[in-house]
Protein backbone atom coordinates (compact mmCIF):
# COMPACT_ATOMS: atom_id res chain seq x y z
CA MET A 1 125.50 -94.89 104.57
CA SER A 2 123.20 -97.57 105.90
CA ALA A 3 124.63 -100.55 107.68
CA HIS A 4 122.93 -103.84 106.95
CA HIS A 5 122.78 -106.11 109.96
CA SER A 6 121.67 -109.69 109.61
CA PRO A 7 119.63 -111.17 112.43
CA ILE A 8 121.56 -113.17 114.98
CA PRO A 9 120.21 -116.71 115.38
CA LYS A 10 118.88 -117.67 118.78
CA VAL A 11 121.04 -119.81 121.01
CA ARG A 12 118.42 -122.57 120.84
CA THR A 13 118.74 -122.66 117.04
CA LEU A 14 122.52 -122.77 117.17
CA VAL A 15 122.54 -125.56 119.75
CA SER A 16 119.92 -127.52 117.80
CA VAL A 17 121.98 -127.33 114.62
CA TRP A 18 125.12 -128.27 116.53
CA ILE A 19 123.38 -131.34 117.95
CA ALA A 20 122.09 -132.23 114.48
CA LEU A 21 125.65 -131.98 113.14
CA LEU A 22 126.89 -134.28 115.90
CA VAL A 23 124.12 -136.79 115.17
CA LEU A 24 124.93 -136.69 111.46
CA THR A 25 128.62 -137.22 112.23
CA VAL A 26 127.79 -140.29 114.33
CA THR A 27 125.51 -141.46 111.52
CA THR A 28 128.33 -141.08 109.01
CA THR A 29 130.64 -143.13 111.22
CA SER A 30 128.00 -145.79 111.81
CA VAL A 31 127.10 -146.12 108.14
CA SER A 32 130.77 -146.49 107.23
CA TYR A 33 130.79 -149.85 109.03
CA LEU A 34 127.85 -151.17 106.97
CA GLU A 35 128.50 -152.99 103.73
CA LEU A 36 126.32 -151.11 101.25
CA GLY A 37 128.44 -151.67 98.16
CA GLU A 38 128.35 -148.72 95.80
CA PHE A 39 125.81 -146.96 98.00
CA ASN A 40 128.40 -146.23 100.71
CA VAL A 41 129.63 -143.23 98.73
CA ILE A 42 126.10 -142.05 97.95
CA VAL A 43 125.00 -142.18 101.59
CA ALA A 44 128.20 -140.45 102.73
CA LEU A 45 127.72 -137.67 100.18
CA LEU A 46 124.06 -137.19 101.11
CA ILE A 47 124.98 -136.82 104.77
CA ALA A 48 127.83 -134.45 103.88
CA VAL A 49 125.54 -132.28 101.74
CA THR A 50 123.01 -132.17 104.57
CA LYS A 51 125.68 -131.08 107.06
CA ALA A 52 127.09 -128.47 104.67
CA SER A 53 123.60 -127.13 104.04
CA LEU A 54 122.95 -126.76 107.76
CA VAL A 55 126.22 -124.93 108.27
CA ALA A 56 125.62 -122.59 105.32
CA TRP A 57 121.96 -121.96 106.15
CA VAL A 58 122.36 -121.22 109.87
CA PHE A 59 125.97 -120.48 110.78
CA MET A 60 126.89 -118.62 107.59
CA GLY A 61 123.58 -116.74 107.52
CA VAL A 62 122.49 -117.64 103.99
CA ARG A 63 118.95 -117.74 105.30
CA TYR A 64 118.97 -113.96 105.78
CA THR A 65 120.87 -112.92 102.65
CA THR A 66 119.63 -111.57 99.35
CA SER A 67 118.22 -113.67 96.55
CA LEU A 68 121.37 -113.12 94.53
CA THR A 69 123.51 -114.68 97.25
CA LYS A 70 121.14 -117.64 97.47
CA LEU A 71 121.37 -117.99 93.69
CA PHE A 72 125.17 -118.19 93.88
CA VAL A 73 124.98 -120.77 96.68
CA VAL A 74 122.69 -122.93 94.54
CA ALA A 75 124.93 -122.37 91.51
CA GLY A 76 127.91 -123.60 93.51
CA LEU A 77 126.02 -126.74 94.50
CA VAL A 78 124.94 -127.33 90.90
CA TRP A 79 128.54 -126.94 89.75
CA LEU A 80 129.69 -129.39 92.43
CA SER A 81 127.08 -131.92 91.30
CA ILE A 82 128.22 -131.52 87.68
CA LEU A 83 131.83 -132.18 88.69
CA LEU A 84 130.81 -135.22 90.73
CA ALA A 85 128.73 -136.56 87.83
CA ILE A 86 131.63 -136.16 85.40
CA THR A 87 134.01 -137.83 87.84
CA TYR A 88 131.59 -140.72 88.37
CA ALA A 89 131.10 -141.13 84.62
CA ASP A 90 134.86 -141.29 84.11
CA TYR A 91 135.40 -143.69 87.00
CA SER A 92 132.55 -146.03 86.05
CA SER A 93 133.63 -146.22 82.39
CA ARG A 94 137.08 -147.62 83.25
CA HIS A 95 137.00 -151.40 83.11
CA TRP A 96 140.58 -152.37 83.73
CA THR A 97 142.45 -154.23 86.42
CA TYR A 98 145.75 -153.26 87.89
CA GLN A 99 148.80 -155.06 86.49
CA ALA A 100 152.20 -154.57 88.04
CA GLN A 101 154.84 -153.24 85.67
CA PRO A 102 157.87 -155.44 84.95
CA TRP A 103 160.28 -152.99 86.55
CA SER A 104 158.41 -153.09 89.86
CA ASN A 105 159.54 -156.69 90.53
CA THR A 106 163.29 -156.13 90.00
CA LYS A 107 165.79 -155.38 92.72
CA ALA A 108 166.94 -151.82 93.33
CA GLY A 109 169.94 -150.85 91.24
CA GLY A 110 168.71 -152.48 88.04
CA GLY A 111 170.72 -155.64 88.43
């Protein structure tokens, strides 16, 4: 029985990725104060995907895994993008404004 050991990343790599994650977190916070309209969500998602990719690539060791594992990681990201696209299509196709229901303006107890 052969034991498969994945290489352990160097401390310098781990610290570099940690610093990059901190910088991206500060960037996310900074960008949230900017008024970018609809692009706020897009920028936030791009930063989140970048951070998730760094975590998966370095800390989870996807870099040293088999091609099949990398395929499943990519498949998961493709599936996530499909779900986000469907959600965006649903959200953007709704052109209605909120109207309070008549019962929301009455006093408690129905009288």
